[in-house]
Structures are given as C-alpha cells and as structure tokens.
C-alpha cells in the first residue's frame, strides 16, 4: 500500500485526489480541494492531504485539519466527512495508515460519510479500530436528513400526503407575496447579516467574515454552488447556500430574518434549492443537521421542523 501525506499535492496527485473524491460514493464537498479555501478561511488550522493507493489505484483520500494555537500546531487531527473510502469495509485497513502517517498527534477525529447499511459497517470498523463515538445530542454532525430525488419529475418533488403541510406553507408564502431568486456573490453579504442576527438570537457565535468572503469567491468561480434569496416586500427574509457534489446536493448554510411573519420564511428558499439540485441531476439532497433520535429538545426540534416536512 502506497501512502502520500502532503500539505500541497503535486499536479499528478492533485488530479488523482480530485477524481477520486468526485467519483467515490462516500465523497463529500467538504473534502474537495475546491472547497478548502472556504473551509479554512478564518480558522486557526493547517491542512494536509492524505492519499492511499493499492497497486497504483486510489482507494482512500482525506483532507486533514490540524488546529493551531498561535504558531504551534495542537496534537489534534480532524477529518471532516472522511476519510473517503472506496467501500466502508476497507476502513479498517485505511485508519491505521492514516494514523501512522501523522506525527505528534494525540487525538484524531474522523467522520466517514456513509448511510444506511454502509453506515453500520463503517461504525463497526471504527469500533474495531479503537475509535469511540463522541457525538453530543447538540453536535453539528449528530444526524442528517436526506431527500431522495431519483426517478422523480419536478412536479413530484413535494407530492404525497406526508408533505401536505409543506405544500400548504409554500402556498401561504406565495400568496403573501414572498418570492425566491438566485443570488450571486453580492448576496453573500445578506446571508452574512441574517446568519449573524440568527446566531445572536441563539446566543451563539457567527462565522468569521473571512468565511463569507471565501464563499463569495467560490460562488463567483464555481458552478457547483447556488445561493437563493427569499424576499418579501423588498426585504430579504431568508438566504440559503447549497452545493452539488456528484449526485449529492447539500444544504450548507442558511438563515432567516428575525421578524415575525405569518408564513414560513425558509420553506420557499429550500424548495428552490431542491428544484435546482433536481435539475442538475442530483439523486439526493442532504437537508443538513437534525436532532439525534434520542434528542427531544424543543428548540432544536423547532429549528429542524421545516426539514422534517420536506
């Protein structure tokens, strides 16, 4: 087995990394080199790239984040939504290689992005490799909700009795005059403002300005992401950014205004993002974080309610 760990990949290794992350079933946008400038902006971290080959063929890859304190790297390594593996079964082979390639690391956190039966295989591999589950019920990656877009016409995306409440909310917003438009880099400032207001209302910290500046650059130079702005009476009431990676589209960040309105502020923007993903040929839309199955916190359930309705 051949292993590469480098802060910067050569042209050849970079092309191999990009192709593998794009094609792998467990691939995720957060592990792409295109997204790295956004992921790293405003954060005290260094990154490195890991590639594992078997007889010249890439079978695993990961972007590794190393938090810093001033000029010093902390003895921590984080792999967000990875490592990306050809199959969950080879995780047991890959994890020792990943750990062995790192120096001065006392703790490593990994988050392989598998679902359903493959998720169970990955979890068993992690346990056998001495990893333990450290997720909190209010953690950012506790659980995500997926919407299947396969074999559906656009008119069928929100059909079915279980989405009756959603259709009613979309109609209410439409009748009230709410409209959704595609945004561009200039609209990132609106997302930043709404997100900051929302975080303050929840007594949480917002993302640094550098993150939004990097997001604006990404939107301008990549066709993989899309911004949606919901407006009512010429005011922005919701902003949402989604990204497509292969056949997977993901709700990355969104926020609503703090004003009380007699209709859902986010539903229309989310619906447009899902239509955009469907039109691109995506098979799945990841609606993002929802409470864990054993978490019945009223506030978190309320925030996630619109996702459940989709």
C-alpha atoms as a PDB file:
ATOM      1  CA  UNK A   1       0.000   0.000   0.000  1.00  0.00           C
ATOM      2  CA  UNK A   2       1.372   3.403  -1.014  1.00  0.00           C
ATOM      3  CA  UNK A   3       0.587   6.437   1.172  1.00  0.00           C
ATOM      4  CA  UNK A   4       1.011  10.145   0.458  1.00  0.00           C
ATOM      5  CA  UNK A   5       0.652  12.894   3.084  1.00  0.00           C
ATOM      6  CA  UNK A   6       1.431  16.409   1.935  1.00  0.00           C
ATOM      7  CA  UNK A   7       0.439  19.993   2.651  1.00  0.00           C
ATOM      8  CA  UNK A   8       0.340  20.577  -1.118  1.00  0.00           C
ATOM      9  CA  UNK A   9      -0.210  17.836  -3.680  1.00  0.00           C
ATOM     10  CA  UNK A  10       1.726  17.560  -6.911  1.00  0.00           C
ATOM     11  CA  UNK A  11      -0.209  18.140 -10.128  1.00  0.00           C
ATOM     12  CA  UNK A  12      -0.482  14.383 -10.681  1.00  0.00           C
ATOM     13  CA  UNK A  13      -1.501  13.546  -7.095  1.00  0.00           C
ATOM     14  CA  UNK A  14      -3.880  16.512  -7.031  1.00  0.00           C
ATOM     15  CA  UNK A  15      -5.640  15.274 -10.163  1.00  0.00           C
ATOM     16  CA  UNK A  16      -5.906  11.770  -8.675  1.00  0.00           C
ATOM     17  CA  UNK A  17      -7.249  13.152  -5.384  1.00  0.00           C
ATOM     18  CA  UNK A  18      -9.847  15.323  -7.137  1.00  0.00           C
ATOM     19  CA  UNK A  19     -11.021  12.486  -9.397  1.00  0.00           C
ATOM     20  CA  UNK A  20     -11.373  10.053  -6.502  1.00  0.00           C
ATOM     21  CA  UNK A  21     -13.251  12.445  -4.213  1.00  0.00           C
ATOM     22  CA  UNK A  22     -15.600  13.345  -7.078  1.00  0.00           C
ATOM     23  CA  UNK A  23     -16.338   9.722  -8.009  1.00  0.00           C
ATOM     24  CA  UNK A  24     -16.404   7.919  -4.638  1.00  0.00           C
ATOM     25  CA  UNK A  25     -19.832   7.013  -3.283  1.00  0.00           C
ATOM     26  CA  UNK A  26     -18.834   8.422   0.127  1.00  0.00           C
ATOM     27  CA  UNK A  27     -17.374  11.591  -1.390  1.00  0.00           C
ATOM     28  CA  UNK A  28     -18.397  14.884   0.138  1.00  0.00           C
ATOM     29  CA  UNK A  29     -17.969  18.501  -0.906  1.00  0.00           C
ATOM     30  CA  UNK A  30     -16.154  19.337   2.344  1.00  0.00           C
ATOM     31  CA  UNK A  31     -13.297  17.026   1.324  1.00  0.00           C
ATOM     32  CA  UNK A  32     -12.748  18.670  -2.069  1.00  0.00           C
ATOM     33  CA  UNK A  33      -9.794  20.935  -2.729  1.00  0.00           C
ATOM     34  CA  UNK A  34     -12.178  23.426  -4.369  1.00  0.00           C
ATOM     35  CA  UNK A  35     -13.943  23.924  -1.032  1.00  0.00           C
ATOM     36  CA  UNK A  36     -10.760  24.121   1.054  1.00  0.00           C
ATOM     37  CA  UNK A  37     -10.395  27.940   0.878  1.00  0.00           C
ATOM     38  CA  UNK A  38     -13.885  28.310   2.385  1.00  0.00           C
ATOM     39  CA  UNK A  39     -13.335  25.585   4.971  1.00  0.00           C
ATOM     40  CA  UNK A  40     -10.045  27.119   6.138  1.00  0.00           C
ATOM     41  CA  UNK A  41     -10.979  30.807   5.988  1.00  0.00           C
ATOM     42  CA  UNK A  42     -10.907  32.500   9.371  1.00  0.00           C
ATOM     43  CA  UNK A  43      -9.946  29.305  11.189  1.00  0.00           C
ATOM     44  CA  UNK A  44      -6.704  28.663  13.075  1.00  0.00           C
ATOM     45  CA  UNK A  45      -5.904  25.423  11.265  1.00  0.00           C
ATOM     46  CA  UNK A  46      -3.430  23.922   8.836  1.00  0.00           C
ATOM     47  CA  UNK A  47      -4.439  21.326   6.298  1.00  0.00           C
ATOM     48  CA  UNK A  48      -2.793  18.345   4.657  1.00  0.00           C
ATOM     49  CA  UNK A  49      -3.933  15.788   2.113  1.00  0.00           C
ATOM     50  CA  UNK A  50      -3.788  12.009   2.534  1.00  0.00           C
ATOM     51  CA  UNK A  51      -3.951   9.515  -0.336  1.00  0.00           C
ATOM     52  CA  UNK A  52      -3.794   5.723  -0.081  1.00  0.00           C
ATOM     53  CA  UNK A  53      -3.136   3.654  -3.214  1.00  0.00           C
ATOM     54  CA  UNK A  54      -3.320  -0.078  -3.780  1.00  0.00           C
ATOM     55  CA  UNK A  55      -1.214  -1.117  -6.784  1.00  0.00           C
ATOM     56  CA  UNK A  56      -1.384   2.445  -8.048  1.00  0.00           C
ATOM     57  CA  UNK A  57      -5.164   2.750  -7.685  1.00  0.00           C
ATOM     58  CA  UNK A  58      -6.516   5.304  -5.184  1.00  0.00           C
ATOM     59  CA  UNK A  59      -8.733   3.598  -2.597  1.00  0.00           C
ATOM     60  CA  UNK A  60      -8.915   6.305   0.081  1.00  0.00           C
ATOM     61  CA  UNK A  61      -8.328  10.030   0.480  1.00  0.00           C
ATOM     62  CA  UNK A  62      -8.775  12.710   3.107  1.00  0.00           C
ATOM     63  CA  UNK A  63      -8.157  16.330   3.887  1.00  0.00           C
ATOM     64  CA  UNK A  64      -6.776  16.522   7.430  1.00  0.00           C
ATOM     65  CA  UNK A  65      -7.148  19.642   9.554  1.00  0.00           C
ATOM     66  CA  UNK A  66      -4.624  20.439  12.315  1.00  0.00           C
ATOM     67  CA  UNK A  67      -5.800  23.169  14.756  1.00  0.00           C
ATOM     68  CA  UNK A  68      -3.203  25.764  15.761  1.00  0.00           C
ATOM     69  CA  UNK A  69      -2.574  27.902  18.811  1.00  0.00           C
ATOM     70  CA  UNK A  70      -0.539  30.807  17.555  1.00  0.00           C
ATOM     71  CA  UNK A  71       2.378  29.318  15.590  1.00  0.00           C
ATOM     72  CA  UNK A  72       2.055  25.932  17.290  1.00  0.00           C
ATOM     73  CA  UNK A  73       0.075  23.006  15.914  1.00  0.00           C
ATOM     74  CA  UNK A  74      -2.029  21.273  18.542  1.00  0.00           C
ATOM     75  CA  UNK A  75      -1.767  17.460  18.846  1.00  0.00           C
ATOM     76  CA  UNK A  76      -5.191  17.076  17.233  1.00  0.00           C
ATOM     77  CA  UNK A  77      -6.216  15.969  13.724  1.00  0.00           C
ATOM     78  CA  UNK A  78      -9.719  16.296  12.290  1.00  0.00           C
ATOM     79  CA  UNK A  79     -11.117  14.696   9.143  1.00  0.00           C
ATOM     80  CA  UNK A  80     -14.482  16.251   8.375  1.00  0.00           C
ATOM     81  CA  UNK A  81     -16.815  13.906   6.433  1.00  0.00           C
ATOM     82  CA  UNK A  82     -13.992  11.475   5.812  1.00  0.00           C
ATOM     83  CA  UNK A  83     -11.771   9.649   5.223  1.00  0.00           C
ATOM     84  CA  UNK A  84     -13.350   8.951   1.862  1.00  0.00           C
ATOM     85  CA  UNK A  85     -13.020   5.257   1.099  1.00  0.00           C
ATOM     86  CA  UNK A  86     -13.866   3.132  -1.889  1.00  0.00           C
ATOM     87  CA  UNK A  87     -16.008   0.956   0.404  1.00  0.00           C
ATOM     88  CA  UNK A  88     -16.716   1.039   4.161  1.00  0.00           C
ATOM     89  CA  UNK A  89     -15.165  -2.420   4.501  1.00  0.00           C
ATOM     90  CA  UNK A  90     -11.636  -1.110   3.867  1.00  0.00           C
ATOM     91  CA  UNK A  91     -11.823   1.464   6.662  1.00  0.00           C
ATOM     92  CA  UNK A  92     -10.032  -0.984   8.965  1.00  0.00           C
ATOM     93  CA  UNK A  93      -7.104  -1.020   6.541  1.00  0.00           C
ATOM     94  CA  UNK A  94      -7.104   2.718   5.957  1.00  0.00           C
ATOM     95  CA  UNK A  95      -7.380   4.017   9.525  1.00  0.00           C
ATOM     96  CA  UNK A  96      -4.009   2.589  10.718  1.00  0.00           C
ATOM     97  CA  UNK A  97      -2.353   4.049   7.601  1.00  0.00           C
ATOM     98  CA  UNK A  98      -3.933   7.424   8.266  1.00  0.00           C
ATOM     99  CA  UNK A  99      -2.929   7.401  11.934  1.00  0.00           C
ATOM    100  CA  UNK A 100       0.582   6.152  11.138  1.00  0.00           C
ATOM    101  CA  UNK A 101       1.161   8.933   8.621  1.00  0.00           C
ATOM    102  CA  UNK A 102       0.586  11.621  11.248  1.00  0.00           C
ATOM    103  CA  UNK A 103       3.273  12.801  13.657  1.00  0.00           C
ATOM    104  CA  UNK A 104       2.741  14.469  17.011  1.00  0.00           C
ATOM    105  CA  UNK A 105      -0.983  13.678  17.069  1.00  0.00           C
ATOM    106  CA  UNK A 106      -2.560  12.510  20.328  1.00  0.00           C
ATOM    107  CA  UNK A 107      -6.181  12.552  19.141  1.00  0.00           C
ATOM    108  CA  UNK A 108      -7.754  12.094  15.742  1.00  0.00           C
ATOM    109  CA  UNK A 109     -11.405  12.650  14.865  1.00  0.00           C
ATOM    110  CA  UNK A 110     -12.908  11.061  11.750  1.00  0.00           C
ATOM    111  CA  UNK A 111     -16.414  11.229  10.243  1.00  0.00           C
ATOM    112  CA  UNK A 112     -16.818   8.772   7.333  1.00  0.00           C
ATOM    113  CA  UNK A 113     -19.840   9.793   5.258  1.00  0.00           C
ATOM    114  CA  UNK A 114     -21.837   6.600   4.825  1.00  0.00           C
ATOM    115  CA  UNK A 115     -25.568   5.975   5.244  1.00  0.00           C
ATOM    116  CA  UNK A 116     -27.967   3.060   5.866  1.00  0.00           C
ATOM    117  CA  UNK A 117     -26.315  -0.393   5.873  1.00  0.00           C
ATOM    118  CA  UNK A 118     -22.924   1.021   4.882  1.00  0.00           C
ATOM    119  CA  UNK A 119     -23.085   3.290   7.927  1.00  0.00           C
ATOM    120  CA  UNK A 120     -23.326   0.220  10.187  1.00  0.00           C
ATOM    121  CA  UNK A 121     -20.299  -1.383   8.500  1.00  0.00           C
ATOM    122  CA  UNK A 122     -18.314   1.842   8.957  1.00  0.00           C
ATOM    123  CA  UNK A 123     -19.310   2.110  12.625  1.00  0.00           C
ATOM    124  CA  UNK A 124     -18.148  -1.448  13.312  1.00  0.00           C
ATOM    125  CA  UNK A 125     -14.830  -0.728  11.576  1.00  0.00           C
ATOM    126  CA  UNK A 126     -14.351   2.378  13.715  1.00  0.00           C
ATOM    127  CA  UNK A 127     -15.031   0.480  16.945  1.00  0.00           C
ATOM    128  CA  UNK A 128     -12.616  -2.289  15.951  1.00  0.00           C
ATOM    129  CA  UNK A 129     -10.005   0.390  15.254  1.00  0.00           C
ATOM    130  CA  UNK A 130     -10.375   1.740  18.832  1.00  0.00           C
ATOM    131  CA  UNK A 131     -12.420   4.817  17.905  1.00  0.00           C
ATOM    132  CA  UNK A 132     -15.297   5.813  20.149  1.00  0.00           C
ATOM    133  CA  UNK A 133     -18.433   7.827  19.491  1.00  0.00           C
ATOM    134  CA  UNK A 134     -18.074  11.339  20.931  1.00  0.00           C
ATOM    135  CA  UNK A 135     -21.119  12.934  19.321  1.00  0.00           C
ATOM    136  CA  UNK A 136     -23.320  15.082  21.539  1.00  0.00           C
ATOM    137  CA  UNK A 137     -27.047  15.384  21.005  1.00  0.00           C
ATOM    138  CA  UNK A 138     -26.478  19.045  20.085  1.00  0.00           C
ATOM    139  CA  UNK A 139     -23.431  18.331  17.926  1.00  0.00           C
ATOM    140  CA  UNK A 140     -23.204  19.675  14.385  1.00  0.00           C
ATOM    141  CA  UNK A 141     -22.972  16.200  12.873  1.00  0.00           C
ATOM    142  CA  UNK A 142     -25.366  14.315  15.163  1.00  0.00           C
ATOM    143  CA  UNK A 143     -27.691  13.302  12.329  1.00  0.00           C
ATOM    144  CA  UNK A 144     -28.617  14.491   8.854  1.00  0.00           C
ATOM    145  CA  UNK A 145     -31.780  14.129   6.817  1.00  0.00           C
ATOM    146  CA  UNK A 146     -31.743  13.069   3.165  1.00  0.00           C
ATOM    147  CA  UNK A 147     -34.347  13.588   0.467  1.00  0.00           C
ATOM    148  CA  UNK A 148     -34.403  11.076  -2.400  1.00  0.00           C
ATOM    149  CA  UNK A 149     -34.742  12.832  -5.782  1.00  0.00           C
ATOM    150  CA  UNK A 150     -34.299   9.788  -8.009  1.00  0.00           C
ATOM    151  CA  UNK A 151     -36.916   8.930 -10.630  1.00  0.00           C
ATOM    152  CA  UNK A 152     -38.990  11.985  -9.750  1.00  0.00           C
ATOM    153  CA  UNK A 153     -40.384  14.637 -12.045  1.00  0.00           C
ATOM    154  CA  UNK A 154     -40.223  18.210 -10.781  1.00  0.00           C
ATOM    155  CA  UNK A 155     -43.936  18.207 -10.005  1.00  0.00           C
ATOM    156  CA  UNK A 156     -43.475  15.137  -7.803  1.00  0.00           C
ATOM    157  CA  UNK A 157     -40.721  16.531  -5.564  1.00  0.00           C
ATOM    158  CA  UNK A 158     -43.148  17.733  -2.882  1.00  0.00           C
ATOM    159  CA  UNK A 159     -46.059  15.391  -3.547  1.00  0.00           C
ATOM    160  CA  UNK A 160     -47.573  12.848  -1.171  1.00  0.00           C
ATOM    161  CA  UNK A 161     -49.793  13.040   1.876  1.00  0.00           C
ATOM    162  CA  UNK A 162     -46.827  13.329   4.231  1.00  0.00           C
ATOM    163  CA  UNK A 163     -45.914  16.678   2.601  1.00  0.00           C
ATOM    164  CA  UNK A 164     -49.375  18.232   2.753  1.00  0.00           C
ATOM    165  CA  UNK A 165     -48.264  20.649   5.496  1.00  0.00           C
ATOM    166  CA  UNK A 166     -45.236  21.652   3.404  1.00  0.00           C
ATOM    167  CA  UNK A 167     -47.330  22.356   0.318  1.00  0.00           C
ATOM    168  CA  UNK A 168     -49.645  24.480   2.444  1.00  0.00           C
ATOM    169  CA  UNK A 169     -46.693  26.505   3.753  1.00  0.00           C
ATOM    170  CA  UNK A 170     -45.310  27.037   0.257  1.00  0.00           C
ATOM    171  CA  UNK A 171     -48.711  28.240  -0.923  1.00  0.00           C
ATOM    172  CA  UNK A 172     -49.074  30.585   2.064  1.00  0.00           C
ATOM    173  CA  UNK A 173     -45.710  32.182   1.302  1.00  0.00           C
ATOM    174  CA  UNK A 174     -46.624  32.562  -2.368  1.00  0.00           C
ATOM    175  CA  UNK A 175     -49.982  34.173  -1.590  1.00  0.00           C
ATOM    176  CA  UNK A 176     -48.300  36.574   0.839  1.00  0.00           C
ATOM    177  CA  UNK A 177     -46.055  37.749  -1.986  1.00  0.00           C
ATOM    178  CA  UNK A 178     -42.824  36.044  -0.986  1.00  0.00           C
ATOM    179  CA  UNK A 179     -40.557  35.306  -3.943  1.00  0.00           C
ATOM    180  CA  UNK A 180     -37.247  33.482  -4.326  1.00  0.00           C
ATOM    181  CA  UNK A 181     -34.437  34.466  -6.661  1.00  0.00           C
ATOM    182  CA  UNK A 182     -30.980  33.110  -7.424  1.00  0.00           C
ATOM    183  CA  UNK A 183     -28.289  35.065  -5.663  1.00  0.00           C
ATOM    184  CA  UNK A 184     -24.730  35.943  -6.610  1.00  0.00           C
ATOM    185  CA  UNK A 185     -21.598  36.915  -4.716  1.00  0.00           C
ATOM    186  CA  UNK A 186     -23.121  40.281  -3.751  1.00  0.00           C
ATOM    187  CA  UNK A 187     -25.888  38.428  -1.900  1.00  0.00           C
ATOM    188  CA  UNK A 188     -23.392  36.730   0.417  1.00  0.00           C
ATOM    189  CA  UNK A 189     -23.496  39.940   2.469  1.00  0.00           C
ATOM    190  CA  UNK A 190     -27.222  39.326   3.020  1.00  0.00           C
ATOM    191  CA  UNK A 191     -26.544  35.759   4.151  1.00  0.00           C
ATOM    192  CA  UNK A 192     -23.815  37.010   6.486  1.00  0.00           C
ATOM    193  CA  UNK A 193     -26.151  39.598   8.057  1.00  0.00           C
ATOM    194  CA  UNK A 194     -29.073  37.204   8.500  1.00  0.00           C
ATOM    195  CA  UNK A 195     -26.792  34.496   9.882  1.00  0.00           C
ATOM    196  CA  UNK A 196     -25.204  36.885  12.391  1.00  0.00           C
ATOM    197  CA  UNK A 197     -28.633  38.035  13.577  1.00  0.00           C
ATOM    198  CA  UNK A 198     -29.819  34.435  13.905  1.00  0.00           C
ATOM    199  CA  UNK A 199     -26.737  33.353  15.866  1.00  0.00           C
ATOM    200  CA  UNK A 200     -27.054  36.310  18.227  1.00  0.00           C
ATOM    201  CA  UNK A 201     -30.679  35.388  18.878  1.00  0.00           C
ATOM    202  CA  UNK A 202     -29.474  31.915  19.912  1.00  0.00           C
ATOM    203  CA  UNK A 203     -26.553  33.279  21.994  1.00  0.00           C
ATOM    204  CA  UNK A 204     -24.072  31.669  19.612  1.00  0.00           C
ATOM    205  CA  UNK A 205     -21.070  32.968  17.691  1.00  0.00           C
ATOM    206  CA  UNK A 206     -21.414  33.639  13.997  1.00  0.00           C
ATOM    207  CA  UNK A 207     -18.891  32.571  11.384  1.00  0.00           C
ATOM    208  CA  UNK A 208     -15.922  34.880  10.739  1.00  0.00           C
ATOM    209  CA  UNK A 209     -16.117  37.438   7.942  1.00  0.00           C
ATOM    210  CA  UNK A 210     -13.302  35.639   6.100  1.00  0.00           C
ATOM    211  CA  UNK A 211     -15.566  32.616   5.672  1.00  0.00           C
ATOM    212  CA  UNK A 212     -18.204  34.652   3.861  1.00  0.00           C
ATOM    213  CA  UNK A 213     -15.571  36.395   1.723  1.00  0.00           C
ATOM    214  CA  UNK A 214     -14.227  32.992   0.651  1.00  0.00           C
ATOM    215  CA  UNK A 215     -17.786  31.787  -0.002  1.00  0.00           C
ATOM    216  CA  UNK A 216     -18.364  34.780  -2.289  1.00  0.00           C
ATOM    217  CA  UNK A 217     -15.258  33.841  -4.268  1.00  0.00           C
ATOM    218  CA  UNK A 218     -16.439  30.240  -4.508  1.00  0.00           C
ATOM    219  CA  UNK A 219     -19.844  31.294  -5.845  1.00  0.00           C
ATOM    220  CA  UNK A 220     -18.215  33.517  -8.457  1.00  0.00           C
ATOM    221  CA  UNK A 221     -15.788  30.886  -9.744  1.00  0.00           C
ATOM    222  CA  UNK A 222     -17.663  27.587  -9.395  1.00  0.00           C
ATOM    223  CA  UNK A 223     -20.943  26.333 -10.835  1.00  0.00           C
ATOM    224  CA  UNK A 224     -21.273  23.736  -8.073  1.00  0.00           C
ATOM    225  CA  UNK A 225     -22.854  26.070  -5.551  1.00  0.00           C
ATOM    226  CA  UNK A 226     -26.017  28.151  -5.622  1.00  0.00           C
ATOM    227  CA  UNK A 227     -27.377  30.946  -3.451  1.00  0.00           C
ATOM    228  CA  UNK A 228     -31.109  31.506  -3.016  1.00  0.00           C
ATOM    229  CA  UNK A 229     -32.665  34.652  -1.548  1.00  0.00           C
ATOM    230  CA  UNK A 230     -36.301  34.775  -0.378  1.00  0.00           C
ATOM    231  CA  UNK A 231     -37.767  38.271  -0.362  1.00  0.00           C
ATOM    232  CA  UNK A 232     -40.993  39.791   0.931  1.00  0.00           C
ATOM    233  CA  UNK A 233     -41.980  43.406   0.397  1.00  0.00           C
ATOM    234  CA  UNK A 234     -38.496  44.108  -0.981  1.00  0.00           C
ATOM    235  CA  UNK A 235     -36.780  42.773   2.147  1.00  0.00           C
ATOM    236  CA  UNK A 236     -34.649  39.643   2.372  1.00  0.00           C
ATOM    237  CA  UNK A 237     -36.315  37.206   4.757  1.00  0.00           C
ATOM    238  CA  UNK A 238     -34.168  34.117   4.080  1.00  0.00           C
ATOM    239  CA  UNK A 239     -30.856  33.222   2.450  1.00  0.00           C
ATOM    240  CA  UNK A 240     -29.617  29.742   1.645  1.00  0.00           C
ATOM    241  CA  UNK A 241     -26.476  28.298   0.064  1.00  0.00           C
ATOM    242  CA  UNK A 242     -26.415  24.757  -1.326  1.00  0.00           C
ATOM    243  CA  UNK A 243     -23.689  22.840  -3.111  1.00  0.00           C
ATOM    244  CA  UNK A 244     -23.674  19.903  -5.513  1.00  0.00           C
ATOM    245  CA  UNK A 245     -21.037  17.178  -5.377  1.00  0.00           C
ATOM    246  CA  UNK A 246     -21.584  14.432  -7.913  1.00  0.00           C
ATOM    247  CA  UNK A 247     -25.135  13.187  -7.422  1.00  0.00           C
ATOM    248  CA  UNK A 248     -25.328  14.604  -3.886  1.00  0.00           C
ATOM    249  CA  UNK A 249     -26.566  18.121  -3.153  1.00  0.00           C
ATOM    250  CA  UNK A 250     -26.207  19.547   0.342  1.00  0.00           C
ATOM    251  CA  UNK A 251     -27.775  22.422   2.251  1.00  0.00           C
ATOM    252  CA  UNK A 252     -24.634  24.106   3.590  1.00  0.00           C
ATOM    253  CA  UNK A 253     -25.774  27.246   5.392  1.00  0.00           C
ATOM    254  CA  UNK A 254     -28.939  29.268   5.678  1.00  0.00           C
ATOM    255  CA  UNK A 255     -30.595  31.857   7.857  1.00  0.00           C
ATOM    256  CA  UNK A 256     -33.857  33.765   8.167  1.00  0.00           C
ATOM    257  CA  UNK A 257     -34.715  37.258   9.336  1.00  0.00           C
ATOM    258  CA  UNK A 258     -35.828  37.720  12.916  1.00  0.00           C
ATOM    259  CA  UNK A 259     -39.103  39.425  12.035  1.00  0.00           C
ATOM    260  CA  UNK A 260     -42.307  37.516  12.719  1.00  0.00           C
ATOM    261  CA  UNK A 261     -44.261  36.708   9.553  1.00  0.00           C
ATOM    262  CA  UNK A 262     -47.479  34.694   9.082  1.00  0.00           C
ATOM    263  CA  UNK A 263     -45.726  32.151   6.817  1.00  0.00           C
ATOM    264  CA  UNK A 264     -42.553  30.079   6.680  1.00  0.00           C
ATOM    265  CA  UNK A 265     -39.574  32.231   5.716  1.00  0.00           C
ATOM    266  CA  UNK A 266     -37.224  29.370   4.744  1.00  0.00           C
ATOM    267  CA  UNK A 267     -39.559  26.878   3.038  1.00  0.00           C
ATOM    268  CA  UNK A 268     -39.639  28.615  -0.360  1.00  0.00           C
ATOM    269  CA  UNK A 269     -35.858  29.066  -0.490  1.00  0.00           C
ATOM    270  CA  UNK A 270     -35.300  25.416   0.447  1.00  0.00           C
ATOM    271  CA  UNK A 271     -37.788  24.300  -2.193  1.00  0.00           C
ATOM    272  CA  UNK A 272     -35.932  26.276  -4.877  1.00  0.00           C
ATOM    273  CA  UNK A 273     -32.614  24.757  -3.785  1.00  0.00           C
ATOM    274  CA  UNK A 274     -34.114  21.271  -4.105  1.00  0.00           C
ATOM    275  CA  UNK A 275     -35.500  22.088  -7.563  1.00  0.00           C
ATOM    276  CA  UNK A 276     -32.041  23.355  -8.570  1.00  0.00           C
ATOM    277  CA  UNK A 277     -30.423  20.111  -7.367  1.00  0.00           C
ATOM    278  CA  UNK A 278     -33.026  18.021  -9.188  1.00  0.00           C
ATOM    279  CA  UNK A 279     -32.467  19.970 -12.423  1.00  0.00           C
ATOM    280  CA  UNK A 280     -28.709  19.275 -12.125  1.00  0.00           C
ATOM    281  CA  UNK A 281     -29.424  15.549 -11.985  1.00  0.00           C
ATOM    282  CA  UNK A 282     -28.655  15.078  -8.298  1.00  0.00           C
ATOM    283  CA  UNK A 283     -30.075  11.884  -6.800  1.00  0.00           C
ATOM    284  CA  UNK A 284     -30.049  13.027  -3.172  1.00  0.00           C
ATOM    285  CA  UNK A 285     -30.486  16.283  -1.280  1.00  0.00           C
ATOM    286  CA  UNK A 286     -28.906  16.408   2.175  1.00  0.00           C
ATOM    287  CA  UNK A 287     -31.030  18.795   4.234  1.00  0.00           C
ATOM    288  CA  UNK A 288     -28.360  19.040   6.922  1.00  0.00           C
ATOM    289  CA  UNK A 289     -28.391  18.617  10.664  1.00  0.00           C
ATOM    290  CA  UNK A 290     -31.416  17.468  12.627  1.00  0.00           C
ATOM    291  CA  UNK A 291     -31.687  16.358  16.283  1.00  0.00           C
ATOM    292  CA  UNK A 292     -30.466  12.884  17.210  1.00  0.00           C
ATOM    293  CA  UNK A 293     -33.143  10.235  17.688  1.00  0.00           C
ATOM    294  CA  UNK A 294     -32.913  10.474  21.468  1.00  0.00           C
ATOM    295  CA  UNK A 295     -32.927  14.296  21.476  1.00  0.00           C
ATOM    296  CA  UNK A 296     -36.292  15.893  22.146  1.00  0.00           C
ATOM    297  CA  UNK A 297     -35.059  19.406  22.894  1.00  0.00           C
ATOM    298  CA  UNK A 298     -37.938  21.680  21.890  1.00  0.00           C
ATOM    299  CA  UNK A 299     -35.737  24.420  20.439  1.00  0.00           C
ATOM    300  CA  UNK A 300     -33.685  22.072  18.253  1.00  0.00           C
ATOM    301  CA  UNK A 301     -36.808  20.227  17.142  1.00  0.00           C
ATOM    302  CA  UNK A 302     -38.447  23.527  16.209  1.00  0.00           C
ATOM    303  CA  UNK A 303     -35.427  24.654  14.160  1.00  0.00           C
ATOM    304  CA  UNK A 304     -35.401  21.329  12.302  1.00  0.00           C
ATOM    305  CA  UNK A 305     -39.165  21.159  11.725  1.00  0.00           C
ATOM    306  CA  UNK A 306     -39.105  22.554   8.191  1.00  0.00           C
ATOM    307  CA  UNK A 307     -36.516  19.910   7.227  1.00  0.00           C
ATOM    308  CA  UNK A 308     -38.744  17.132   8.557  1.00  0.00           C
ATOM    309  CA  UNK A 309     -41.624  18.495   6.473  1.00  0.00           C
ATOM    310  CA  UNK A 310     -39.541  18.189   3.306  1.00  0.00           C
END
